[in-house]
Amino acid sequence: MTTKVRLVLDQAEIRRLLSDPEATELVADAGREFAAAARGYAPRRTGAGAASIGADAQAGVARVSWDSDHHYMAFHQFGTHKLPADPFMDRALDQYDTRE
């Protein structure tokens, strides 16, 4: 059985939310909270890669990642042919999603 879903976006409401300081601060808070969880799950040898994970929130979008000097964190997250994946960001997201 196939279920069809129709999604209608209210562009005016989206613009209002993006200009609402309270809503944008909620997004920024969520990004910072997720970044903290990701740092907790990140693999560490020296801890520098984990410490580089941060959140950048602009225009109602929070981006969480490691900085460019610690690009090797992607090798841990996604794996390579020599290094098995350790999806620490996924585990952080799972933890974040289960909170009430």
N, C-alpha and C. Protein backbone atom coordinates (compact mmCIF):
# COMPACT_ATOMS: atom_id res chain seq x y z
N MET A 1 0.84 -1.18 0.00
CA MET A 1 0.00 0.00 0.00
C MET A 1 0.88 1.24 0.00
N THR A 2 0.58 2.17 -0.86
CA THR A 2 1.33 3.42 -0.96
C THR A 2 0.51 4.54 -0.35
N THR A 3 1.16 5.30 0.50
CA THR A 3 0.51 6.46 1.10
C THR A 3 1.07 7.71 0.47
N LYS A 4 0.21 8.57 0.02
CA LYS A 4 0.65 9.83 -0.57
C LYS A 4 0.45 10.94 0.46
N VAL A 5 1.45 11.81 0.52
CA VAL A 5 1.39 12.95 1.43
C VAL A 5 1.62 14.20 0.62
N ARG A 6 0.80 15.18 0.87
CA ARG A 6 0.99 16.47 0.20
C ARG A 6 1.45 17.47 1.24
N LEU A 7 2.52 18.14 0.95
CA LEU A 7 3.10 19.11 1.86
C LEU A 7 2.98 20.49 1.23
N VAL A 8 2.37 21.40 1.97
CA VAL A 8 2.21 22.78 1.49
C VAL A 8 2.96 23.69 2.44
N LEU A 9 3.88 24.46 1.91
CA LEU A 9 4.67 25.37 2.73
C LEU A 9 4.09 26.78 2.64
N ASP A 10 3.91 27.39 3.78
CA ASP A 10 3.41 28.76 3.85
C ASP A 10 4.63 29.68 3.82
N GLN A 11 4.95 30.21 2.66
CA GLN A 11 6.15 31.03 2.49
C GLN A 11 6.14 32.27 3.37
N ALA A 12 4.99 32.89 3.56
CA ALA A 12 4.91 34.08 4.42
C ALA A 12 5.25 33.72 5.86
N GLU A 13 4.76 32.59 6.33
CA GLU A 13 5.05 32.15 7.71
C GLU A 13 6.53 31.79 7.85
N ILE A 14 7.11 31.18 6.84
CA ILE A 14 8.54 30.86 6.88
C ILE A 14 9.36 32.14 6.98
N ARG A 15 9.03 33.14 6.17
CA ARG A 15 9.75 34.42 6.24
C ARG A 15 9.59 35.07 7.62
N ARG A 16 8.39 34.98 8.20
CA ARG A 16 8.15 35.55 9.52
C ARG A 16 9.01 34.85 10.57
N LEU A 17 9.06 33.53 10.51
CA LEU A 17 9.86 32.79 11.47
C LEU A 17 11.35 33.10 11.33
N LEU A 18 11.81 33.26 10.09
CA LEU A 18 13.23 33.55 9.88
C LEU A 18 13.62 34.93 10.38
N SER A 19 12.63 35.82 10.51
CA SER A 19 12.94 37.16 11.02
C SER A 19 12.61 37.30 12.51
N ASP A 20 12.09 36.25 13.12
CA ASP A 20 11.74 36.28 14.55
C ASP A 20 12.98 35.95 15.38
N PRO A 21 13.48 36.91 16.17
CA PRO A 21 14.69 36.66 16.96
C PRO A 21 14.56 35.48 17.92
N GLU A 22 13.39 35.28 18.47
CA GLU A 22 13.19 34.16 19.40
C GLU A 22 13.31 32.82 18.68
N ALA A 23 12.74 32.72 17.49
CA ALA A 23 12.82 31.48 16.72
C ALA A 23 14.25 31.22 16.27
N THR A 24 14.95 32.25 15.81
CA THR A 24 16.32 32.04 15.37
C THR A 24 17.23 31.68 16.54
N GLU A 25 16.94 32.21 17.72
CA GLU A 25 17.74 31.85 18.90
C GLU A 25 17.48 30.39 19.31
N LEU A 26 16.25 29.92 19.15
CA LEU A 26 15.94 28.51 19.42
C LEU A 26 16.74 27.60 18.49
N VAL A 27 16.85 27.97 17.22
CA VAL A 27 17.62 27.18 16.27
C VAL A 27 19.10 27.19 16.67
N ALA A 28 19.61 28.36 17.03
CA ALA A 28 21.01 28.46 17.45
C ALA A 28 21.27 27.63 18.70
N ASP A 29 20.34 27.67 19.66
CA ASP A 29 20.48 26.86 20.88
C ASP A 29 20.51 25.37 20.54
N ALA A 30 19.62 24.95 19.65
CA ALA A 30 19.59 23.54 19.26
C ALA A 30 20.90 23.14 18.59
N GLY A 31 21.45 24.01 17.77
CA GLY A 31 22.73 23.72 17.12
C GLY A 31 23.85 23.58 18.13
N ARG A 32 23.89 24.48 19.11
CA ARG A 32 24.93 24.40 20.14
C ARG A 32 24.78 23.13 20.98
N GLU A 33 23.55 22.76 21.28
CA GLU A 33 23.30 21.56 22.07
C GLU A 33 23.72 20.30 21.30
N PHE A 34 23.39 20.27 20.02
CA PHE A 34 23.78 19.12 19.19
C PHE A 34 25.30 19.05 19.05
N ALA A 35 25.95 20.20 18.88
CA ALA A 35 27.42 20.22 18.77
C ALA A 35 28.06 19.67 20.04
N ALA A 36 27.51 20.02 21.20
CA ALA A 36 28.04 19.50 22.46
C ALA A 36 27.90 17.99 22.53
N ALA A 37 26.75 17.48 22.09
CA ALA A 37 26.54 16.02 22.08
C ALA A 37 27.52 15.36 21.11
N ALA A 38 27.74 15.96 19.94
CA ALA A 38 28.67 15.40 18.95
C ALA A 38 30.09 15.38 19.50
N ARG A 39 30.49 16.43 20.20
CA ARG A 39 31.82 16.43 20.81
C ARG A 39 31.96 15.28 21.79
N GLY A 40 30.89 14.96 22.50
CA GLY A 40 30.93 13.87 23.47
C GLY A 40 31.08 12.50 22.83
N TYR A 41 30.55 12.33 21.63
CA TYR A 41 30.62 11.04 20.94
C TYR A 41 31.82 10.93 20.00
N ALA A 42 32.48 12.03 19.71
CA ALA A 42 33.57 12.03 18.73
C ALA A 42 34.75 11.20 19.22
N PRO A 43 35.41 10.50 18.28
CA PRO A 43 36.62 9.76 18.66
C PRO A 43 37.71 10.76 19.01
N ARG A 44 38.61 10.34 19.89
CA ARG A 44 39.69 11.24 20.26
C ARG A 44 40.98 10.49 20.48
N ARG A 45 41.99 11.06 19.94
CA ARG A 45 43.34 10.64 20.28
C ARG A 45 43.93 11.76 21.11
N THR A 46 43.86 12.99 20.57
CA THR A 46 44.33 14.15 21.32
C THR A 46 43.16 14.98 21.84
N GLY A 47 42.00 14.82 21.22
CA GLY A 47 40.83 15.61 21.59
C GLY A 47 40.67 16.87 20.76
N ALA A 48 41.65 17.18 19.92
CA ALA A 48 41.58 18.41 19.12
C ALA A 48 40.44 18.37 18.10
N GLY A 49 40.25 17.22 17.45
CA GLY A 49 39.17 17.11 16.47
C GLY A 49 37.81 17.27 17.12
N ALA A 50 37.62 16.59 18.24
CA ALA A 50 36.35 16.70 18.96
C ALA A 50 36.12 18.13 19.42
N ALA A 51 37.16 18.78 19.91
CA ALA A 51 37.03 20.16 20.40
C ALA A 51 36.69 21.13 19.28
N SER A 52 37.02 20.76 18.03
CA SER A 52 36.76 21.67 16.92
C SER A 52 35.30 21.64 16.46
N ILE A 53 34.50 20.73 16.96
CA ILE A 53 33.10 20.63 16.53
C ILE A 53 32.32 21.80 17.14
N GLY A 54 31.66 22.53 16.27
CA GLY A 54 30.89 23.68 16.73
C GLY A 54 29.67 23.89 15.87
N ALA A 55 28.87 24.87 16.25
CA ALA A 55 27.65 25.20 15.52
C ALA A 55 27.73 26.62 14.99
N ASP A 56 27.22 26.80 13.80
CA ASP A 56 27.12 28.12 13.18
C ASP A 56 25.67 28.28 12.75
N ALA A 57 24.97 29.23 13.34
CA ALA A 57 23.56 29.43 13.02
C ALA A 57 23.37 30.76 12.31
N GLN A 58 22.77 30.69 11.14
CA GLN A 58 22.45 31.88 10.36
C GLN A 58 21.15 31.65 9.62
N ALA A 59 20.33 32.66 9.57
CA ALA A 59 19.07 32.63 8.81
C ALA A 59 18.21 31.43 9.15
N GLY A 60 18.14 31.07 10.43
CA GLY A 60 17.26 30.00 10.86
C GLY A 60 17.78 28.60 10.58
N VAL A 61 19.06 28.48 10.21
CA VAL A 61 19.67 27.17 9.94
C VAL A 61 20.91 27.04 10.80
N ALA A 62 21.01 25.93 11.51
CA ALA A 62 22.21 25.66 12.30
C ALA A 62 23.03 24.58 11.60
N ARG A 63 24.28 24.89 11.34
CA ARG A 63 25.20 23.92 10.73
C ARG A 63 26.17 23.49 11.81
N VAL A 64 26.29 22.18 12.00
CA VAL A 64 27.19 21.63 13.01
C VAL A 64 28.24 20.82 12.29
N SER A 65 29.51 21.13 12.57
CA SER A 65 30.60 20.42 11.92
C SER A 65 31.90 20.69 12.66
N TRP A 66 32.95 20.02 12.21
CA TRP A 66 34.30 20.27 12.70
C TRP A 66 34.90 21.34 11.80
N ASP A 67 35.96 22.00 12.27
CA ASP A 67 36.58 23.03 11.44
C ASP A 67 37.48 22.41 10.37
N SER A 68 37.88 23.22 9.41
CA SER A 68 38.63 22.70 8.26
C SER A 68 40.01 22.15 8.65
N ASP A 69 40.60 22.63 9.73
CA ASP A 69 41.88 22.08 10.17
C ASP A 69 41.75 20.64 10.66
N HIS A 70 40.53 20.23 10.98
CA HIS A 70 40.29 18.88 11.51
C HIS A 70 39.39 18.09 10.56
N HIS A 71 39.65 18.26 9.25
CA HIS A 71 38.86 17.60 8.20
C HIS A 71 38.87 16.08 8.33
N TYR A 72 39.88 15.54 9.00
CA TYR A 72 39.99 14.09 9.14
C TYR A 72 38.85 13.50 9.97
N MET A 73 38.09 14.33 10.66
CA MET A 73 36.94 13.83 11.41
C MET A 73 35.94 13.17 10.45
N ALA A 74 35.92 13.63 9.21
CA ALA A 74 35.05 13.01 8.20
C ALA A 74 35.45 11.56 7.95
N PHE A 75 36.74 11.26 8.03
CA PHE A 75 37.19 9.88 7.84
C PHE A 75 36.61 8.98 8.93
N HIS A 76 36.54 9.49 10.13
CA HIS A 76 35.96 8.71 11.23
C HIS A 76 34.45 8.58 11.04
N GLN A 77 33.80 9.68 10.71
CA GLN A 77 32.34 9.68 10.56
C GLN A 77 31.89 8.74 9.45
N PHE A 78 32.51 8.82 8.29
CA PHE A 78 32.05 8.10 7.12
C PHE A 78 32.85 6.84 6.80
N GLY A 79 34.06 6.74 7.34
CA GLY A 79 34.91 5.59 7.09
C GLY A 79 35.72 5.74 5.80
N THR A 80 36.71 4.91 5.68
CA THR A 80 37.53 4.82 4.47
C THR A 80 37.73 3.34 4.17
N HIS A 81 38.49 3.04 3.14
CA HIS A 81 38.73 1.62 2.84
C HIS A 81 39.60 0.98 3.92
N LYS A 82 40.30 1.78 4.72
CA LYS A 82 41.14 1.24 5.79
C LYS A 82 40.58 1.48 7.20
N LEU A 83 39.64 2.39 7.31
CA LEU A 83 39.10 2.77 8.62
C LEU A 83 37.58 2.58 8.61
N PRO A 84 37.06 1.71 9.45
CA PRO A 84 35.60 1.54 9.47
C PRO A 84 34.90 2.82 9.96
N ALA A 85 33.72 3.04 9.45
CA ALA A 85 32.96 4.22 9.85
C ALA A 85 32.62 4.17 11.34
N ASP A 86 32.70 5.31 11.98
CA ASP A 86 32.29 5.49 13.37
C ASP A 86 31.35 6.69 13.38
N PRO A 87 30.08 6.48 13.03
CA PRO A 87 29.16 7.60 12.83
C PRO A 87 28.76 8.31 14.13
N PHE A 88 29.72 9.00 14.70
CA PHE A 88 29.50 9.67 15.99
C PHE A 88 28.48 10.79 15.88
N MET A 89 28.40 11.46 14.75
CA MET A 89 27.39 12.52 14.58
C MET A 89 25.99 11.90 14.58
N ASP A 90 25.85 10.73 13.99
CA ASP A 90 24.56 10.04 13.98
C ASP A 90 24.14 9.68 15.40
N ARG A 91 25.08 9.18 16.19
CA ARG A 91 24.76 8.83 17.58
C ARG A 91 24.35 10.07 18.37
N ALA A 92 25.02 11.17 18.11
CA ALA A 92 24.65 12.42 18.79
C ALA A 92 23.24 12.85 18.38
N LEU A 93 22.92 12.70 17.11
CA LEU A 93 21.58 13.06 16.64
C LEU A 93 20.54 12.13 17.24
N ASP A 94 20.84 10.84 17.33
CA ASP A 94 19.92 9.89 17.97
C ASP A 94 19.66 10.30 19.41
N GLN A 95 20.70 10.69 20.14
CA GLN A 95 20.53 11.12 21.52
C GLN A 95 19.68 12.39 21.57
N TYR A 96 19.96 13.31 20.68
CA TYR A 96 19.22 14.58 20.65
C TYR A 96 17.75 14.35 20.35
N ASP A 97 17.46 13.43 19.42
CA ASP A 97 16.08 13.17 19.01
C ASP A 97 15.24 12.50 20.10
N THR A 98 15.86 11.80 21.02
CA THR A 98 15.09 11.05 22.02
C THR A 98 14.71 11.90 23.24
N ARG A 99 15.29 13.10 23.34
CA ARG A 99 14.94 13.94 24.48
C ARG A 99 13.57 14.55 24.30
N GLU A 100 12.91 14.81 25.41
CA GLU A 100 11.57 15.41 25.33
C GLU A 100 11.65 16.89 25.56
